Amino acid sequence: MQLIAMLTMLIDHIGLVFFQDQAIWRMVGRIAFPIYAYFIVVGYTRTRNLKLYMVRLFIIALLSQVPFMLALGARGVNAVGTLLMCVIILYLIENTAKSVWLPAVIAMSVAMEALSFDYGLYGVLLVLIYKYTKSHYMVLCHFALNVLFLFLKGWVIEAYSIITTVAIVYAPTVWKQVESIRMPRWLWRSFYPVHLTAIAILEFMLSLKP
């Protein structure tokens, strides 16, 4: 799934930057973020050193921020920053009292929306769905999430993101076989900032042409 996540994210960003009039690129790209959200839940659950895990996410987010802004013309915080916030939220939920984590999570989610974190509240809710629901409920919750953001933000194409959740729930054998194919860690961790940098450079070079 790592390879699929990287390829579909690349397709998504190429479409966003170079083929804005062709929706198919963005439709395919909707598969990517749910895979990353799912892997964040898996990583949070399996990691032996949560502090180191969060430090790695922070470094990747930091290295990605300028390429993210240059390549995509964005002013907010990149998707890895969103995933880092999701890990912090999971930690708060599982290690503090409800009277602490509930207002903290609400405040963090509001701040993420205000600061234009990529995917923002949608990303937080999707990670919580992957963490705390199973089977048909996971699909139903993801569907409800897409409907909610259709009304809140007009995210029509985001409906295609449910493809990933359907695969997790209804094709577990295929999912596990594909998930077992692992990319080199250096490639998996560096792909986000590197591909954004490449897109930004290509975009700049094309702008120089008469």
N, C-alpha and C. Protein backbone atom coordinates (compact mmCIF):
# COMPACT_ATOMS: atom_id res chain seq x y z
N MET A 1 0.81 -1.21 0.00
CA MET A 1 0.00 0.00 0.00
C MET A 1 0.85 1.26 0.00
N GLN A 2 2.07 1.15 0.47
CA GLN A 2 2.95 2.32 0.47
C GLN A 2 3.18 2.81 -0.96
N LEU A 3 3.42 1.87 -1.89
CA LEU A 3 3.64 2.24 -3.28
C LEU A 3 2.39 2.89 -3.86
N ILE A 4 1.22 2.33 -3.58
CA ILE A 4 -0.03 2.89 -4.07
C ILE A 4 -0.24 4.29 -3.49
N ALA A 5 0.06 4.46 -2.21
CA ALA A 5 -0.09 5.77 -1.57
C ALA A 5 0.80 6.81 -2.25
N MET A 6 2.05 6.45 -2.51
CA MET A 6 2.97 7.39 -3.13
C MET A 6 2.55 7.73 -4.55
N LEU A 7 2.18 6.70 -5.33
CA LEU A 7 1.82 6.93 -6.73
C LEU A 7 0.54 7.77 -6.85
N THR A 8 -0.47 7.43 -6.04
CA THR A 8 -1.73 8.18 -6.14
C THR A 8 -1.56 9.61 -5.63
N MET A 9 -0.71 9.81 -4.63
CA MET A 9 -0.43 11.18 -4.17
C MET A 9 0.29 11.97 -5.25
N LEU A 10 1.25 11.33 -5.93
CA LEU A 10 1.95 11.99 -7.02
C LEU A 10 0.98 12.36 -8.14
N ILE A 11 0.10 11.43 -8.48
CA ILE A 11 -0.91 11.70 -9.51
C ILE A 11 -1.80 12.87 -9.10
N ASP A 12 -2.20 12.88 -7.84
CA ASP A 12 -3.05 13.95 -7.32
C ASP A 12 -2.38 15.31 -7.45
N HIS A 13 -1.13 15.40 -7.05
CA HIS A 13 -0.44 16.68 -7.06
C HIS A 13 -0.08 17.13 -8.47
N ILE A 14 0.23 16.19 -9.35
CA ILE A 14 0.47 16.54 -10.75
C ILE A 14 -0.81 17.11 -11.36
N GLY A 15 -1.93 16.47 -11.07
CA GLY A 15 -3.20 16.96 -11.57
C GLY A 15 -3.55 18.33 -11.02
N LEU A 16 -3.30 18.53 -9.73
CA LEU A 16 -3.61 19.81 -9.09
C LEU A 16 -2.79 20.95 -9.69
N VAL A 17 -1.53 20.68 -10.01
CA VAL A 17 -0.64 21.74 -10.48
C VAL A 17 -0.72 21.93 -12.00
N PHE A 18 -0.72 20.82 -12.76
CA PHE A 18 -0.56 20.92 -14.20
C PHE A 18 -1.83 20.63 -15.02
N PHE A 19 -2.79 19.95 -14.44
CA PHE A 19 -3.99 19.55 -15.20
C PHE A 19 -5.26 19.84 -14.40
N GLN A 20 -5.42 21.09 -14.04
CA GLN A 20 -6.52 21.46 -13.17
C GLN A 20 -7.89 21.27 -13.82
N ASP A 21 -7.93 21.20 -15.14
CA ASP A 21 -9.20 21.02 -15.84
C ASP A 21 -9.56 19.55 -16.05
N GLN A 22 -8.71 18.63 -15.54
CA GLN A 22 -8.97 17.20 -15.72
C GLN A 22 -9.17 16.55 -14.35
N ALA A 23 -10.43 16.33 -14.00
CA ALA A 23 -10.78 15.87 -12.66
C ALA A 23 -10.28 14.46 -12.35
N ILE A 24 -10.02 13.66 -13.38
CA ILE A 24 -9.63 12.27 -13.15
C ILE A 24 -8.37 12.17 -12.31
N TRP A 25 -7.44 13.10 -12.45
CA TRP A 25 -6.22 13.08 -11.66
C TRP A 25 -6.54 13.20 -10.16
N ARG A 26 -7.46 14.12 -9.83
CA ARG A 26 -7.82 14.32 -8.44
C ARG A 26 -8.64 13.16 -7.89
N MET A 27 -9.44 12.55 -8.75
CA MET A 27 -10.24 11.39 -8.33
C MET A 27 -9.32 10.25 -7.90
N VAL A 28 -8.34 9.96 -8.74
CA VAL A 28 -7.37 8.91 -8.40
C VAL A 28 -6.60 9.30 -7.14
N GLY A 29 -6.28 10.57 -7.03
CA GLY A 29 -5.51 11.05 -5.89
C GLY A 29 -6.21 10.94 -4.56
N ARG A 30 -7.56 10.82 -4.59
CA ARG A 30 -8.31 10.72 -3.32
C ARG A 30 -7.98 9.43 -2.57
N ILE A 31 -7.38 8.47 -3.25
CA ILE A 31 -7.03 7.21 -2.60
C ILE A 31 -5.87 7.39 -1.62
N ALA A 32 -5.02 8.38 -1.87
CA ALA A 32 -3.76 8.50 -1.13
C ALA A 32 -3.91 8.83 0.34
N PHE A 33 -4.61 9.92 0.66
CA PHE A 33 -4.62 10.37 2.05
C PHE A 33 -5.20 9.33 3.02
N PRO A 34 -6.29 8.63 2.67
CA PRO A 34 -6.77 7.59 3.59
C PRO A 34 -5.73 6.51 3.87
N ILE A 35 -4.90 6.19 2.89
CA ILE A 35 -3.85 5.19 3.14
C ILE A 35 -2.86 5.73 4.16
N TYR A 36 -2.45 6.99 4.00
CA TYR A 36 -1.54 7.60 4.96
C TYR A 36 -2.18 7.68 6.34
N ALA A 37 -3.47 8.01 6.40
CA ALA A 37 -4.18 8.08 7.67
C ALA A 37 -4.23 6.71 8.34
N TYR A 38 -4.48 5.68 7.54
CA TYR A 38 -4.51 4.32 8.06
C TYR A 38 -3.14 3.91 8.59
N PHE A 39 -2.09 4.23 7.85
CA PHE A 39 -0.74 3.88 8.29
C PHE A 39 -0.33 4.65 9.55
N ILE A 40 -0.88 5.85 9.73
CA ILE A 40 -0.60 6.60 10.95
C ILE A 40 -1.17 5.86 12.15
N VAL A 41 -2.38 5.32 12.00
CA VAL A 41 -2.98 4.54 13.07
C VAL A 41 -2.17 3.28 13.35
N VAL A 42 -1.75 2.61 12.28
CA VAL A 42 -0.93 1.40 12.43
C VAL A 42 0.40 1.76 13.09
N GLY A 43 1.03 2.84 12.63
CA GLY A 43 2.30 3.26 13.19
C GLY A 43 2.18 3.63 14.66
N TYR A 44 1.12 4.36 15.00
CA TYR A 44 0.90 4.75 16.39
C TYR A 44 0.73 3.51 17.28
N THR A 45 0.02 2.53 16.77
CA THR A 45 -0.27 1.32 17.55
C THR A 45 0.97 0.45 17.73
N ARG A 46 1.80 0.38 16.70
CA ARG A 46 2.91 -0.58 16.70
C ARG A 46 4.24 0.00 17.14
N THR A 47 4.40 1.30 17.10
CA THR A 47 5.71 1.87 17.39
C THR A 47 6.15 1.58 18.83
N ARG A 48 7.44 1.34 18.99
CA ARG A 48 8.00 1.10 20.33
C ARG A 48 8.47 2.39 20.97
N ASN A 49 8.60 3.42 20.16
CA ASN A 49 9.09 4.70 20.67
C ASN A 49 8.24 5.81 20.06
N LEU A 50 7.17 6.17 20.75
CA LEU A 50 6.23 7.16 20.22
C LEU A 50 6.88 8.52 20.07
N LYS A 51 7.76 8.88 20.99
CA LYS A 51 8.43 10.17 20.91
C LYS A 51 9.27 10.27 19.63
N LEU A 52 10.03 9.22 19.33
CA LEU A 52 10.84 9.20 18.11
C LEU A 52 9.95 9.23 16.87
N TYR A 53 8.84 8.52 16.93
CA TYR A 53 7.89 8.49 15.82
C TYR A 53 7.38 9.90 15.53
N MET A 54 7.03 10.64 16.57
CA MET A 54 6.53 12.00 16.39
C MET A 54 7.64 12.94 15.91
N VAL A 55 8.85 12.71 16.39
CA VAL A 55 9.98 13.55 15.94
C VAL A 55 10.20 13.36 14.44
N ARG A 56 10.12 12.11 13.97
CA ARG A 56 10.29 11.85 12.53
C ARG A 56 9.21 12.57 11.73
N LEU A 57 7.98 12.49 12.20
CA LEU A 57 6.88 13.18 11.51
C LEU A 57 7.11 14.69 11.49
N PHE A 58 7.58 15.22 12.61
CA PHE A 58 7.84 16.66 12.69
C PHE A 58 8.92 17.08 11.70
N ILE A 59 9.98 16.28 11.61
CA ILE A 59 11.08 16.62 10.68
C ILE A 59 10.59 16.56 9.24
N ILE A 60 9.83 15.52 8.90
CA ILE A 60 9.29 15.41 7.53
C ILE A 60 8.37 16.58 7.23
N ALA A 61 7.51 16.93 8.19
CA ALA A 61 6.60 18.06 8.00
C ALA A 61 7.37 19.36 7.81
N LEU A 62 8.43 19.54 8.60
CA LEU A 62 9.24 20.75 8.52
C LEU A 62 9.94 20.84 7.17
N LEU A 63 10.53 19.73 6.72
CA LEU A 63 11.23 19.71 5.43
C LEU A 63 10.26 19.89 4.26
N SER A 64 9.02 19.52 4.47
CA SER A 64 8.04 19.55 3.38
C SER A 64 7.33 20.89 3.24
N GLN A 65 7.40 21.74 4.27
CA GLN A 65 6.54 22.92 4.30
C GLN A 65 6.81 23.89 3.14
N VAL A 66 8.06 24.24 2.93
CA VAL A 66 8.37 25.17 1.84
C VAL A 66 8.04 24.56 0.47
N PRO A 67 8.48 23.32 0.18
CA PRO A 67 8.07 22.71 -1.09
C PRO A 67 6.55 22.62 -1.23
N PHE A 68 5.84 22.34 -0.16
CA PHE A 68 4.38 22.29 -0.17
C PHE A 68 3.78 23.62 -0.60
N MET A 69 4.30 24.69 -0.05
CA MET A 69 3.79 26.02 -0.37
C MET A 69 4.16 26.43 -1.80
N LEU A 70 5.37 26.10 -2.21
CA LEU A 70 5.82 26.48 -3.56
C LEU A 70 5.13 25.66 -4.64
N ALA A 71 5.06 24.35 -4.43
CA ALA A 71 4.51 23.46 -5.46
C ALA A 71 3.01 23.62 -5.61
N LEU A 72 2.30 23.71 -4.49
CA LEU A 72 0.84 23.70 -4.54
C LEU A 72 0.21 25.07 -4.34
N GLY A 73 1.06 26.08 -4.13
CA GLY A 73 0.53 27.41 -3.91
C GLY A 73 -0.30 27.51 -2.64
N ALA A 74 0.05 26.70 -1.64
CA ALA A 74 -0.72 26.64 -0.40
C ALA A 74 -0.12 27.56 0.64
N ARG A 75 -0.96 27.99 1.56
CA ARG A 75 -0.51 28.86 2.64
C ARG A 75 -0.61 28.18 4.00
N GLY A 76 -1.27 27.04 4.07
CA GLY A 76 -1.45 26.35 5.33
C GLY A 76 -0.32 25.40 5.63
N VAL A 77 -0.60 24.44 6.50
CA VAL A 77 0.37 23.44 6.92
C VAL A 77 0.15 22.16 6.14
N ASN A 78 1.22 21.51 5.75
CA ASN A 78 1.13 20.33 4.89
C ASN A 78 0.50 19.13 5.60
N ALA A 79 0.21 18.08 4.82
CA ALA A 79 -0.53 16.92 5.31
C ALA A 79 0.23 16.15 6.40
N VAL A 80 1.55 16.15 6.34
CA VAL A 80 2.31 15.44 7.38
C VAL A 80 2.15 16.16 8.72
N GLY A 81 2.07 17.49 8.68
CA GLY A 81 1.78 18.24 9.89
C GLY A 81 0.43 17.85 10.47
N THR A 82 -0.55 17.64 9.59
CA THR A 82 -1.87 17.18 10.02
C THR A 82 -1.78 15.81 10.68
N LEU A 83 -1.04 14.91 10.08
CA LEU A 83 -0.90 13.56 10.62
C LEU A 83 -0.18 13.58 11.97
N LEU A 84 0.78 14.47 12.12
CA LEU A 84 1.45 14.62 13.41
C LEU A 84 0.46 15.05 14.48
N MET A 85 -0.39 16.00 14.15
CA MET A 85 -1.42 16.45 15.09
C MET A 85 -2.36 15.31 15.45
N CYS A 86 -2.65 14.46 14.48
CA CYS A 86 -3.52 13.31 14.73
C CYS A 86 -2.89 12.34 15.73
N VAL A 87 -1.59 12.13 15.62
CA VAL A 87 -0.89 11.27 16.57
C VAL A 87 -0.97 11.86 17.98
N ILE A 88 -0.77 13.16 18.09
CA ILE A 88 -0.86 13.82 19.39
C ILE A 88 -2.26 13.67 19.96
N ILE A 89 -3.27 13.80 19.11
CA ILE A 89 -4.65 13.65 19.55
C ILE A 89 -4.92 12.23 20.04
N LEU A 90 -4.43 11.23 19.32
CA LEU A 90 -4.59 9.84 19.76
C LEU A 90 -3.94 9.63 21.12
N TYR A 91 -2.77 10.21 21.30
CA TYR A 91 -2.07 10.07 22.58
C TYR A 91 -2.88 10.71 23.70
N LEU A 92 -3.42 11.88 23.46
CA LEU A 92 -4.21 12.55 24.48
C LEU A 92 -5.45 11.74 24.86
N ILE A 93 -6.12 11.21 23.84
CA ILE A 93 -7.33 10.42 24.09
C ILE A 93 -7.04 9.21 24.95
N GLU A 94 -5.91 8.56 24.70
CA GLU A 94 -5.62 7.30 25.37
C GLU A 94 -4.82 7.46 26.67
N ASN A 95 -4.36 8.67 26.95
CA ASN A 95 -3.50 8.82 28.13
C ASN A 95 -3.91 9.95 29.07
N THR A 96 -5.02 10.60 28.79
CA THR A 96 -5.50 11.65 29.69
C THR A 96 -6.99 11.45 29.94
N ALA A 97 -7.50 12.10 30.96
CA ALA A 97 -8.92 12.01 31.29
C ALA A 97 -9.75 12.72 30.23
N LYS A 98 -11.00 12.29 30.11
CA LYS A 98 -11.88 12.89 29.12
C LYS A 98 -12.04 14.39 29.34
N SER A 99 -12.03 14.80 30.60
CA SER A 99 -12.16 16.23 30.90
C SER A 99 -10.97 17.04 30.39
N VAL A 100 -9.87 16.34 30.09
CA VAL A 100 -8.67 16.99 29.55
C VAL A 100 -8.63 16.87 28.03
N TRP A 101 -8.78 15.62 27.54
CA TRP A 101 -8.56 15.42 26.11
C TRP A 101 -9.68 15.99 25.25
N LEU A 102 -10.92 15.96 25.73
CA LEU A 102 -12.02 16.43 24.89
C LEU A 102 -11.89 17.91 24.54
N PRO A 103 -11.73 18.81 25.51
CA PRO A 103 -11.54 20.22 25.14
C PRO A 103 -10.24 20.46 24.37
N ALA A 104 -9.20 19.67 24.69
CA ALA A 104 -7.93 19.83 23.99
C ALA A 104 -8.07 19.45 22.52
N VAL A 105 -8.77 18.35 22.25
CA VAL A 105 -8.97 17.89 20.87
C VAL A 105 -9.82 18.89 20.10
N ILE A 106 -10.86 19.41 20.74
CA ILE A 106 -11.71 20.41 20.08
C ILE A 106 -10.89 21.66 19.75
N ALA A 107 -10.09 22.11 20.71
CA ALA A 107 -9.27 23.31 20.49
C ALA A 107 -8.25 23.08 19.37
N MET A 108 -7.62 21.91 19.37
CA MET A 108 -6.63 21.59 18.34
C MET A 108 -7.28 21.52 16.96
N SER A 109 -8.47 20.94 16.89
CA SER A 109 -9.17 20.82 15.61
C SER A 109 -9.57 22.19 15.08
N VAL A 110 -10.05 23.05 15.97
CA VAL A 110 -10.41 24.42 15.56
C VAL A 110 -9.18 25.17 15.07
N ALA A 111 -8.06 25.01 15.79
CA ALA A 111 -6.82 25.67 15.39
C ALA A 111 -6.33 25.17 14.03
N MET A 112 -6.46 23.86 13.80
CA MET A 112 -6.03 23.29 12.52
C MET A 112 -6.86 23.85 11.36
N GLU A 113 -8.15 24.03 11.59
CA GLU A 113 -9.00 24.63 10.55
C GLU A 113 -8.63 26.09 10.34
N ALA A 114 -8.40 26.81 11.42
CA ALA A 114 -8.07 28.23 11.32
C ALA A 114 -6.73 28.46 10.63
N LEU A 115 -5.79 27.54 10.85
CA LEU A 115 -4.45 27.67 10.27
C LEU A 115 -4.33 26.93 8.93
N SER A 116 -5.44 26.43 8.42
CA SER A 116 -5.49 25.77 7.11
C SER A 116 -4.54 24.58 7.00
N PHE A 117 -4.56 23.72 8.02
CA PHE A 117 -3.84 22.46 7.90
C PHE A 117 -4.46 21.66 6.75
N ASP A 118 -3.64 21.03 5.96
CA ASP A 118 -4.13 20.23 4.84
C ASP A 118 -5.02 19.11 5.37
N TYR A 119 -6.24 19.04 4.89
CA TYR A 119 -7.29 18.12 5.34
C TYR A 119 -7.88 18.48 6.70
N GLY A 120 -7.13 19.12 7.57
CA GLY A 120 -7.66 19.66 8.80
C GLY A 120 -8.53 18.71 9.60
N LEU A 121 -9.73 19.18 9.95
CA LEU A 121 -10.65 18.38 10.75
C LEU A 121 -11.01 17.07 10.07
N TYR A 122 -11.11 17.10 8.75
CA TYR A 122 -11.40 15.86 8.01
C TYR A 122 -10.34 14.81 8.32
N GLY A 123 -9.09 15.20 8.30
CA GLY A 123 -8.00 14.26 8.59
C GLY A 123 -8.08 13.71 9.99
N VAL A 124 -8.39 14.57 10.96
CA VAL A 124 -8.51 14.12 12.35
C VAL A 124 -9.62 13.09 12.48
N LEU A 125 -10.79 13.39 11.93
CA LEU A 125 -11.94 12.49 12.05
C LEU A 125 -11.69 11.17 11.33
N LEU A 126 -11.00 11.22 10.19
CA LEU A 126 -10.71 9.99 9.46
C LEU A 126 -9.77 9.09 10.26
N VAL A 127 -8.76 9.68 10.87
CA VAL A 127 -7.84 8.90 11.70
C VAL A 127 -8.60 8.28 12.88
N LEU A 128 -9.50 9.03 13.49
CA LEU A 128 -10.29 8.50 14.60
C LEU A 128 -11.21 7.37 14.14
N ILE A 129 -11.73 7.48 12.93
CA ILE A 129 -12.56 6.41 12.37
C ILE A 129 -11.74 5.14 12.21
N TYR A 130 -10.53 5.26 11.66
CA TYR A 130 -9.67 4.09 11.47
C TYR A 130 -9.23 3.48 12.80
N LYS A 131 -9.09 4.32 13.80
CA LYS A 131 -8.62 3.83 15.10
C LYS A 131 -9.73 3.15 15.90
N TYR A 132 -10.93 3.71 15.85
CA TYR A 132 -11.96 3.28 16.80
C TYR A 132 -13.19 2.61 16.19
N THR A 133 -13.19 2.36 14.89
CA THR A 133 -14.30 1.62 14.29
C THR A 133 -13.76 0.43 13.50
N LYS A 134 -14.64 -0.52 13.25
CA LYS A 134 -14.25 -1.71 12.51
C LYS A 134 -15.35 -2.11 11.55
N SER A 135 -14.97 -2.91 10.56
CA SER A 135 -15.90 -3.54 9.63
C SER A 135 -16.84 -2.53 8.98
N HIS A 136 -18.14 -2.88 8.92
CA HIS A 136 -19.11 -2.06 8.20
C HIS A 136 -19.21 -0.65 8.80
N TYR A 137 -19.02 -0.56 10.13
CA TYR A 137 -19.11 0.74 10.77
C TYR A 137 -18.04 1.70 10.26
N MET A 138 -16.87 1.16 9.93
CA MET A 138 -15.81 2.00 9.40
C MET A 138 -16.22 2.60 8.06
N VAL A 139 -16.81 1.79 7.20
CA VAL A 139 -17.26 2.28 5.90
C VAL A 139 -18.39 3.30 6.06
N LEU A 140 -19.34 2.99 6.93
CA LEU A 140 -20.46 3.90 7.16
C LEU A 140 -20.00 5.23 7.73
N CYS A 141 -19.06 5.18 8.66
CA CYS A 141 -18.55 6.42 9.25
C CYS A 141 -17.78 7.25 8.23
N HIS A 142 -16.98 6.59 7.39
CA HIS A 142 -16.25 7.31 6.35
C HIS A 142 -17.23 7.92 5.34
N PHE A 143 -18.26 7.18 4.99
CA PHE A 143 -19.29 7.71 4.09
C PHE A 143 -19.96 8.94 4.71
N ALA A 144 -20.32 8.85 5.99
CA ALA A 144 -20.94 9.97 6.68
C ALA A 144 -20.00 11.17 6.74
N LEU A 145 -18.71 10.90 6.93
CA LEU A 145 -17.71 11.97 6.96
C LEU A 145 -17.66 12.69 5.61
N ASN A 146 -17.69 11.92 4.52
CA ASN A 146 -17.67 12.53 3.20
C ASN A 146 -18.92 13.36 2.94
N VAL A 147 -20.07 12.86 3.39
CA VAL A 147 -21.32 13.61 3.23
C VAL A 147 -21.25 14.92 4.03
N LEU A 148 -20.73 14.82 5.26
CA LEU A 148 -20.60 16.01 6.10
C LEU A 148 -19.77 17.08 5.42
N PHE A 149 -18.62 16.68 4.85
CA PHE A 149 -17.74 17.68 4.23
C PHE A 149 -18.22 18.09 2.84
N LEU A 150 -19.10 17.32 2.26
CA LEU A 150 -19.76 17.76 1.04
C LEU A 150 -20.62 18.99 1.35
N PHE A 151 -21.31 18.96 2.48
CA PHE A 151 -22.15 20.08 2.88
C PHE A 151 -21.35 21.23 3.48
N LEU A 152 -20.30 20.88 4.25
CA LEU A 152 -19.51 21.92 4.91
C LEU A 152 -18.61 22.68 3.95
N LYS A 153 -17.95 21.93 3.04
CA LYS A 153 -16.93 22.56 2.19
C LYS A 153 -17.12 22.30 0.70
N GLY A 154 -18.16 21.55 0.35
CA GLY A 154 -18.39 21.27 -1.06
C GLY A 154 -17.38 20.32 -1.66
N TRP A 155 -16.85 19.40 -0.84
CA TRP A 155 -15.83 18.45 -1.31
C TRP A 155 -16.50 17.29 -2.04
N VAL A 156 -16.75 17.48 -3.32
CA VAL A 156 -17.42 16.44 -4.11
C VAL A 156 -16.47 15.29 -4.42
N ILE A 157 -15.30 15.61 -4.92
CA ILE A 157 -14.35 14.58 -5.34
C ILE A 157 -13.86 13.75 -4.16
N GLU A 158 -13.93 14.30 -2.96
CA GLU A 158 -13.46 13.57 -1.77
C GLU A 158 -14.24 12.29 -1.56
N ALA A 159 -15.42 12.18 -2.17
CA ALA A 159 -16.22 10.96 -2.04
C ALA A 159 -15.45 9.73 -2.50
N TYR A 160 -14.52 9.90 -3.44
CA TYR A 160 -13.75 8.77 -3.96
C TYR A 160 -12.76 8.22 -2.93
N SER A 161 -12.52 8.97 -1.86
CA SER A 161 -11.57 8.50 -0.84
C SER A 161 -12.07 7.26 -0.13
N ILE A 162 -13.36 7.00 -0.21
CA ILE A 162 -13.92 5.83 0.49
C ILE A 162 -13.45 4.52 -0.14
N ILE A 163 -12.89 4.59 -1.34
CA ILE A 163 -12.37 3.40 -2.01
C ILE A 163 -11.35 2.69 -1.11
N THR A 164 -10.49 3.47 -0.47
CA THR A 164 -9.47 2.88 0.41
C THR A 164 -10.11 2.14 1.57
N THR A 165 -11.10 2.75 2.20
CA THR A 165 -11.76 2.13 3.35
C THR A 165 -12.51 0.87 2.94
N VAL A 166 -13.16 0.92 1.79
CA VAL A 166 -13.85 -0.27 1.28
C VAL A 166 -12.85 -1.41 1.08
N ALA A 167 -11.68 -1.09 0.56
CA ALA A 167 -10.65 -2.11 0.35
C ALA A 167 -10.17 -2.69 1.67
N ILE A 168 -9.99 -1.84 2.68
CA ILE A 168 -9.54 -2.31 3.99
C ILE A 168 -10.55 -3.28 4.59
N VAL A 169 -11.84 -2.95 4.46
CA VAL A 169 -12.89 -3.73 5.12
C VAL A 169 -13.31 -4.95 4.33
N TYR A 170 -13.50 -4.80 3.02
CA TYR A 170 -14.13 -5.86 2.24
C TYR A 170 -13.15 -6.67 1.38
N ALA A 171 -11.90 -6.27 1.36
CA ALA A 171 -10.90 -7.07 0.65
C ALA A 171 -9.68 -7.23 1.53
N PRO A 172 -9.87 -7.76 2.76
CA PRO A 172 -8.76 -7.82 3.72
C PRO A 172 -7.60 -8.68 3.26
N THR A 173 -7.90 -9.78 2.53
CA THR A 173 -6.82 -10.65 2.06
C THR A 173 -5.94 -9.93 1.06
N VAL A 174 -6.59 -9.28 0.10
CA VAL A 174 -5.84 -8.51 -0.91
C VAL A 174 -5.09 -7.37 -0.24
N TRP A 175 -5.77 -6.69 0.69
CA TRP A 175 -5.15 -5.57 1.40
C TRP A 175 -3.88 -6.02 2.12
N LYS A 176 -3.96 -7.14 2.85
CA LYS A 176 -2.81 -7.61 3.61
C LYS A 176 -1.67 -8.02 2.70
N GLN A 177 -2.00 -8.62 1.54
CA GLN A 177 -0.96 -9.01 0.59
C GLN A 177 -0.24 -7.78 0.04
N VAL A 178 -1.02 -6.77 -0.32
CA VAL A 178 -0.44 -5.55 -0.86
C VAL A 178 0.31 -4.79 0.24
N GLU A 179 -0.27 -4.78 1.46
CA GLU A 179 0.35 -4.08 2.58
C GLU A 179 1.70 -4.69 2.94
N SER A 180 1.86 -5.98 2.67
CA SER A 180 3.10 -6.66 3.03
C SER A 180 4.27 -6.24 2.14
N ILE A 181 3.97 -5.61 1.00
CA ILE A 181 5.02 -5.13 0.11
C ILE A 181 5.52 -3.79 0.64
N ARG A 182 6.67 -3.79 1.23
CA ARG A 182 7.19 -2.60 1.89
C ARG A 182 8.25 -1.90 1.03
N MET A 183 8.16 -0.58 1.02
CA MET A 183 9.17 0.21 0.33
C MET A 183 10.34 0.47 1.28
N PRO A 184 11.52 0.76 0.75
CA PRO A 184 12.63 1.13 1.63
C PRO A 184 12.24 2.31 2.51
N ARG A 185 12.63 2.28 3.77
CA ARG A 185 12.20 3.34 4.69
C ARG A 185 12.61 4.72 4.22
N TRP A 186 13.82 4.82 3.66
CA TRP A 186 14.29 6.13 3.22
C TRP A 186 13.40 6.68 2.11
N LEU A 187 12.91 5.80 1.24
CA LEU A 187 12.05 6.25 0.14
C LEU A 187 10.68 6.65 0.67
N TRP A 188 10.12 5.83 1.56
CA TRP A 188 8.80 6.11 2.14
C TRP A 188 8.80 7.43 2.91
N ARG A 189 9.86 7.67 3.67
CA ARG A 189 9.91 8.87 4.51
C ARG A 189 10.27 10.13 3.74
N SER A 190 11.03 9.97 2.67
CA SER A 190 11.49 11.15 1.93
C SER A 190 10.58 11.52 0.75
N PHE A 191 9.68 10.63 0.37
CA PHE A 191 8.93 10.84 -0.87
C PHE A 191 8.09 12.11 -0.84
N TYR A 192 7.45 12.40 0.29
CA TYR A 192 6.56 13.57 0.35
C TYR A 192 7.32 14.87 0.07
N PRO A 193 8.38 15.19 0.82
CA PRO A 193 9.08 16.45 0.52
C PRO A 193 9.81 16.43 -0.82
N VAL A 194 10.34 15.27 -1.22
CA VAL A 194 11.11 15.20 -2.46
C VAL A 194 10.21 15.39 -3.67
N HIS A 195 9.05 14.74 -3.70
CA HIS A 195 8.21 14.88 -4.89
C HIS A 195 7.61 16.29 -4.98
N LEU A 196 7.35 16.92 -3.82
CA LEU A 196 6.87 18.30 -3.85
C LEU A 196 7.95 19.25 -4.36
N THR A 197 9.18 18.99 -3.94
CA THR A 197 10.30 19.80 -4.44
C THR A 197 10.46 19.65 -5.94
N ALA A 198 10.35 18.43 -6.45
CA ALA A 198 10.47 18.18 -7.88
C ALA A 198 9.36 18.90 -8.65
N ILE A 199 8.15 18.86 -8.14
CA ILE A 199 7.03 19.55 -8.80
C ILE A 199 7.26 21.06 -8.80
N ALA A 200 7.73 21.59 -7.67
CA ALA A 200 7.99 23.03 -7.58
C ALA A 200 9.06 23.46 -8.57
N ILE A 201 10.13 22.66 -8.70
CA ILE A 201 11.20 22.98 -9.65
C ILE A 201 10.68 22.92 -11.08
N LEU A 202 9.93 21.88 -11.41
CA LEU A 202 9.37 21.75 -12.75
C LEU A 202 8.42 22.90 -13.07
N GLU A 203 7.61 23.26 -12.11
CA GLU A 203 6.67 24.37 -12.29
C GLU A 203 7.43 25.67 -12.55
N PHE A 204 8.52 25.87 -11.82
CA PHE A 204 9.34 27.07 -12.02
C PHE A 204 9.99 27.08 -13.39
N MET A 205 10.52 25.94 -13.82
CA MET A 205 11.17 25.85 -15.12
C MET A 205 10.18 26.12 -16.26
N LEU A 206 8.97 25.60 -16.12
CA LEU A 206 7.96 25.83 -17.14
C LEU A 206 7.53 27.28 -17.20
N SER A 207 7.58 27.95 -16.04
CA SER A 207 7.20 29.38 -16.02
C SER A 207 8.21 30.26 -16.73
N LEU A 208 9.45 29.74 -16.91
CA LEU A 208 10.49 30.51 -17.56
C LEU A 208 10.40 30.47 -19.07
N LYS A 209 9.64 29.50 -19.59
CA LYS A 209 9.53 29.37 -21.04
C LYS A 209 8.75 30.54 -21.62
N PRO A 210 9.23 31.08 -22.76
CA PRO A 210 8.54 32.22 -23.37
C PRO A 210 7.18 31.82 -23.93
